[in-house]
Structure formats: C-alpha cells, structure tokens
Amino acid sequence: MIEGPRLAALVASRVCHDMAEPMNALIQGLDMLKENDASGKNADAIALMEHGVAKAWAKLEFFRFAFAGGGAAGGDGDGRLDEAKATAEKLYGALKPALEWRAPAMTLPRASLKVFMNALFIANECLPKGGVVVVDAMRAGEAAEIRLTCTGQRAGVRPATLAALNGDLPEDGYPGPVVQPLLTGILARQTGVEIVSQTGEGAVDLVLRSPQFKML
C-alpha cells in the first residue's frame, strides 16, 4: 500500500502535469492578444491577465517543486540549497512579501529541499500585511541550519499552523489552511529535519535544522 505522503506527492504530480498544458495555452493566447492590440485599447485588461497568469504559473512551479518533487527536489542524494532559489524568487514575485536570499552555499538531501520550500510558503503566511522574508544559512556545530526571518506588520505564526507542523491532528478534521503545514511537518519528520519557530517583536524566525545540512 502506498503511504499517505507518497500518495499526496503522486496526486500533486498528476495535478501539476494536467495543469501545465492549459497554462501554456493561456500564455500563448495572451501573447496573441498583445500582438493584436496595437492601439493599446485593451492594455488594462491585458495587464490584469498577465498578472494573473504569472501568479498562477509561479504557484504551479512551486507546487511541483514543493509537493511533487519536481526539478531539484526530485531523486535521491544531495542537492544544493541554491537550486531552489529561482523557483522561490518566482513564487515571491507573485506574493505580498519580498524575498531576500542571503544564504551561502549549502548541501542537503534533495528530499529536504521540499521541506525548505514548504517552510518558505509558511513564511509567506506569517506576513499577512506583507514585509520581507530573508533566507540565510549558518553553521550549527558540525552541521548547519537554514533560517527564514520574516519581518513585517502583524508578523506571526497561527497556532493552528504550529499544531499542524507538530503533527497534532485537529479533532474536527482538516480545514484547508492546515493541510500544507501538516504535510510539511510529516515531510520534515521523514527526512530528519527539525523546524523551530521563534517569535519576537515584529518578526518570526522559522529555523530548519538537520545534521545532514552541510556548509560548503
């Protein structure tokens, strides 16, 4: 029998695959509209469509990376943290917070890249009014840790998110907002990654620790 997280990854992979074709069609159709609008009469409508398509495509690429294990997160062995940078920057280009990537070179298991990307999505939810998410990495003894520092107005982690990360199952089922952090917690435990939340004034740190993280 297929385990729950593996089944979730297979479902996510199928959904991302099926969505790629209509997304490509939308992009091509939008390009045709731009070419045929020489007078600029539909500029506002086209700009609105461009924003929506770009946001949808960025999230589709993120979901493929974070849930289905596409790209650098697929396969076995070690990868590099910066293999996730392009997808992360594209995602945050469609979100309220800005992203600052300050992390030096680091290696980590490819499965842990999915944990990192999911934590990055949670970091976005910690800033409902926007702000800045800084990605950094540093040595922690003989290993290393990844730190996501979320700074902005009303920065905070929802109690339901923390409970889901810890694997505390809600008695009344799984409301939509907790599904992603619940899966993140499962992936983290499977790959030996500890996720710690540290809250200060106007800032939240999400810290990912594992003896398998290595600075270069």
Protein backbone atom coordinates (compact mmCIF):
# COMPACT_ATOMS: atom_id res chain seq x y z
CA MET A 1 0.00 0.00 0.00
CA ILE A 2 1.26 3.49 -0.84
CA GLU A 3 1.99 5.65 2.22
CA GLY A 4 -0.02 8.84 2.69
CA PRO A 5 2.79 11.36 1.90
CA ARG A 6 3.87 9.37 -1.15
CA LEU A 7 0.28 9.24 -2.37
CA ALA A 8 -0.03 13.01 -1.82
CA ALA A 9 3.12 13.55 -3.91
CA LEU A 10 1.73 11.39 -6.72
CA VAL A 11 -1.56 13.29 -6.70
CA ALA A 12 0.28 16.63 -6.71
CA SER A 13 2.45 15.45 -9.59
CA ARG A 14 -0.60 14.49 -11.63
CA VAL A 15 -2.39 17.78 -10.90
CA CYS A 16 0.68 19.83 -11.86
CA HIS A 17 1.13 17.81 -15.04
CA ASP A 18 -2.52 18.25 -16.05
CA MET A 19 -2.46 21.99 -15.30
CA ALA A 20 0.71 22.69 -17.31
CA GLU A 21 -0.98 22.30 -20.71
CA PRO A 22 -3.88 24.73 -20.15
CA MET A 23 -1.47 27.20 -18.52
CA ASN A 24 0.73 27.12 -21.61
CA ALA A 25 -2.35 27.69 -23.77
CA LEU A 26 -3.30 30.74 -21.68
CA ILE A 27 0.21 32.17 -22.04
CA GLN A 28 0.18 31.69 -25.81
CA GLY A 29 -3.29 33.23 -26.09
CA LEU A 30 -2.19 36.21 -24.03
CA ASP A 31 0.81 36.74 -26.30
CA MET A 32 -1.52 36.74 -29.31
CA LEU A 33 -3.77 39.35 -27.68
CA LYS A 34 -0.77 41.60 -27.01
CA GLU A 35 0.41 41.31 -30.60
CA ASN A 36 -3.05 42.23 -31.97
CA ASP A 37 -3.63 45.17 -29.64
CA ALA A 38 -1.52 47.71 -31.49
CA SER A 39 -3.82 50.57 -30.43
CA GLY A 40 -3.47 49.73 -26.75
CA LYS A 41 -7.25 49.75 -26.17
CA ASN A 42 -7.08 46.59 -24.09
CA ALA A 43 -3.91 47.46 -22.19
CA ASP A 44 -5.53 47.38 -18.75
CA ALA A 45 -7.28 44.06 -19.37
CA ILE A 46 -4.09 42.52 -20.77
CA ALA A 47 -2.07 43.77 -17.78
CA LEU A 48 -4.59 42.20 -15.41
CA MET A 49 -4.43 38.91 -17.30
CA GLU A 50 -0.63 39.00 -17.35
CA HIS A 51 -0.52 39.41 -13.58
CA GLY A 52 -2.97 36.55 -13.03
CA VAL A 53 -1.20 34.18 -15.41
CA ALA A 54 2.23 34.99 -13.94
CA LYS A 55 0.94 34.36 -10.41
CA ALA A 56 -0.72 31.08 -11.39
CA TRP A 57 2.37 29.85 -13.24
CA ALA A 58 4.66 30.76 -10.33
CA LYS A 59 2.47 28.82 -7.90
CA LEU A 60 2.24 25.86 -10.27
CA GLU A 61 6.04 25.65 -10.46
CA PHE A 62 6.24 25.96 -6.69
CA PHE A 63 3.69 23.20 -6.08
CA ARG A 64 5.55 20.92 -8.48
CA PHE A 65 8.79 21.56 -6.58
CA ALA A 66 7.43 21.51 -3.02
CA PHE A 67 4.83 18.74 -3.23
CA ALA A 68 5.54 16.59 -6.27
CA GLY A 69 9.32 16.59 -6.01
CA GLY A 70 9.91 18.08 -9.45
CA GLY A 71 13.17 19.68 -10.53
CA ALA A 72 15.97 19.80 -7.95
CA ALA A 73 13.77 18.22 -5.25
CA GLY A 74 13.34 15.01 -7.25
CA GLY A 75 15.53 11.94 -6.93
CA ASP A 76 17.90 10.72 -4.24
CA GLY A 77 21.22 12.00 -2.97
CA ASP A 78 22.24 15.52 -2.04
CA GLY A 79 21.45 18.79 -3.74
CA ARG A 80 22.30 22.43 -3.13
CA LEU A 81 20.09 24.94 -1.36
CA ASP A 82 20.51 27.48 -4.17
CA GLU A 83 18.87 25.02 -6.60
CA ALA A 84 15.60 26.21 -5.07
CA LYS A 85 16.41 29.92 -5.44
CA ALA A 86 14.93 30.57 -8.89
CA THR A 87 11.61 28.87 -8.04
CA ALA A 88 11.46 30.67 -4.68
CA GLU A 89 12.09 34.08 -6.25
CA LYS A 90 9.48 33.47 -8.91
CA LEU A 91 6.92 32.48 -6.27
CA TYR A 92 7.61 35.53 -4.11
CA GLY A 93 7.33 37.74 -7.17
CA ALA A 94 3.61 36.89 -7.03
CA LEU A 95 3.19 37.26 -3.25
CA LYS A 96 2.94 40.25 -0.87
CA PRO A 97 6.27 39.85 0.98
CA ALA A 98 9.62 40.47 -0.67
CA LEU A 99 12.31 37.78 -0.63
CA GLU A 100 15.97 38.38 0.18
CA TRP A 101 18.31 35.46 -0.44
CA ARG A 102 21.45 35.77 1.70
CA ALA A 103 22.19 32.08 2.19
CA PRO A 104 25.74 30.91 1.43
CA ALA A 105 26.36 27.62 -0.38
CA MET A 106 24.99 24.56 1.40
CA THR A 107 24.31 20.92 0.55
CA LEU A 108 21.33 18.99 1.86
CA PRO A 109 19.33 15.88 0.89
CA ARG A 110 17.09 16.54 -2.10
CA ALA A 111 14.06 15.44 -0.09
CA SER A 112 14.89 18.20 2.41
CA LEU A 113 14.59 20.78 -0.38
CA LYS A 114 10.85 20.06 -0.36
CA VAL A 115 10.76 20.76 3.38
CA PHE A 116 12.57 24.06 2.84
CA MET A 117 10.20 25.16 0.07
CA ASN A 118 7.15 24.30 2.15
CA ALA A 119 8.60 26.25 5.07
CA LEU A 120 9.11 29.17 2.69
CA PHE A 121 5.40 29.08 1.86
CA ILE A 122 4.58 29.12 5.58
CA ALA A 123 6.91 32.12 5.95
CA ASN A 124 4.70 33.98 3.48
CA GLU A 125 1.65 33.22 5.62
CA CYS A 126 3.48 34.72 8.63
CA LEU A 127 3.30 38.14 6.93
CA PRO A 128 -0.40 38.81 6.09
CA LYS A 129 0.32 42.52 5.57
CA GLY A 130 3.50 41.98 3.59
CA GLY A 131 7.09 42.54 4.64
CA VAL A 132 10.39 40.80 3.97
CA VAL A 133 11.46 37.16 4.23
CA VAL A 134 15.24 36.73 4.49
CA VAL A 135 16.73 33.33 3.65
CA ASP A 136 20.03 32.68 5.41
CA ALA A 137 22.10 29.70 6.47
CA MET A 138 24.78 29.28 9.10
CA ARG A 139 26.85 26.67 10.85
CA ALA A 140 25.35 24.93 13.87
CA GLY A 141 28.07 22.82 15.43
CA GLU A 142 29.26 20.26 12.90
CA ALA A 143 26.12 20.72 10.78
CA ALA A 144 24.19 23.78 9.62
CA GLU A 145 20.78 25.39 9.83
CA ILE A 146 18.54 27.36 7.49
CA ARG A 147 16.86 30.44 8.93
CA LEU A 148 13.83 32.18 7.44
CA THR A 149 13.43 35.58 9.10
CA CYS A 150 10.00 37.11 8.49
CA THR A 151 9.76 40.82 9.30
CA GLY A 152 6.69 42.98 8.82
CA GLN A 153 3.48 44.37 10.26
CA ARG A 154 1.49 41.77 12.23
CA ALA A 155 4.17 39.11 11.76
CA GLY A 156 3.20 35.90 13.49
CA VAL A 157 2.53 32.17 13.20
CA ARG A 158 -1.02 30.94 13.61
CA PRO A 159 -1.44 28.44 16.50
CA ALA A 160 -3.17 26.02 14.09
CA THR A 161 -0.11 26.14 11.83
CA LEU A 162 2.25 25.33 14.70
CA ALA A 163 -0.01 22.49 15.82
CA ALA A 164 -0.10 21.06 12.30
CA LEU A 165 3.70 21.29 11.98
CA ASN A 166 3.99 19.31 15.21
CA GLY A 167 1.59 16.68 13.89
CA ASP A 168 -1.23 17.49 16.29
CA LEU A 169 -4.33 16.30 14.46
CA PRO A 170 -7.42 18.50 14.75
CA GLU A 171 -10.45 16.76 16.22
CA ASP A 172 -12.81 18.32 13.69
CA GLY A 173 -10.91 17.24 10.57
CA TYR A 174 -8.51 19.06 8.32
CA PRO A 175 -9.54 22.59 7.32
CA GLY A 176 -7.79 23.85 4.20
CA PRO A 177 -5.27 26.20 5.90
CA VAL A 178 -3.68 23.41 8.00
CA VAL A 179 -3.19 20.83 5.23
CA GLN A 180 0.03 22.36 3.88
CA PRO A 181 1.77 22.79 7.28
CA LEU A 182 0.56 19.32 8.29
CA LEU A 183 2.24 17.85 5.20
CA THR A 184 5.33 19.97 5.88
CA GLY A 185 5.62 18.50 9.36
CA ILE A 186 5.28 14.96 8.02
CA LEU A 187 7.96 15.56 5.38
CA ALA A 188 10.25 17.13 7.98
CA ARG A 189 9.99 14.18 10.33
CA GLN A 190 10.53 11.72 7.49
CA THR A 191 13.72 13.47 6.41
CA GLY A 192 15.08 14.23 9.89
CA VAL A 193 14.56 18.00 9.71
CA GLU A 194 13.64 19.88 12.88
CA ILE A 195 11.52 23.02 12.39
CA VAL A 196 11.60 25.57 15.22
CA SER A 197 9.53 28.76 15.37
CA GLN A 198 10.93 31.78 17.23
CA THR A 199 8.71 34.85 17.62
CA GLY A 200 9.93 38.34 18.52
CA GLU A 201 8.60 41.88 18.19
CA GLY A 202 7.53 42.33 14.58
CA ALA A 203 9.43 39.26 13.40
CA VAL A 204 9.20 35.48 13.16
CA ASP A 205 12.11 33.10 12.60
CA LEU A 206 11.49 29.68 11.12
CA VAL A 207 14.62 27.61 11.69
CA LEU A 208 15.29 24.33 9.89
CA ARG A 209 17.94 22.09 11.48
CA SER A 210 19.40 18.78 10.41
CA PRO A 211 22.75 17.00 10.85
CA GLN A 212 22.58 16.36 7.10
CA PHE A 213 22.83 20.09 6.25
CA LYS A 214 26.43 20.95 5.34
CA MET A 215 28.02 24.33 4.61
CA LEU A 216 30.41 24.46 1.66
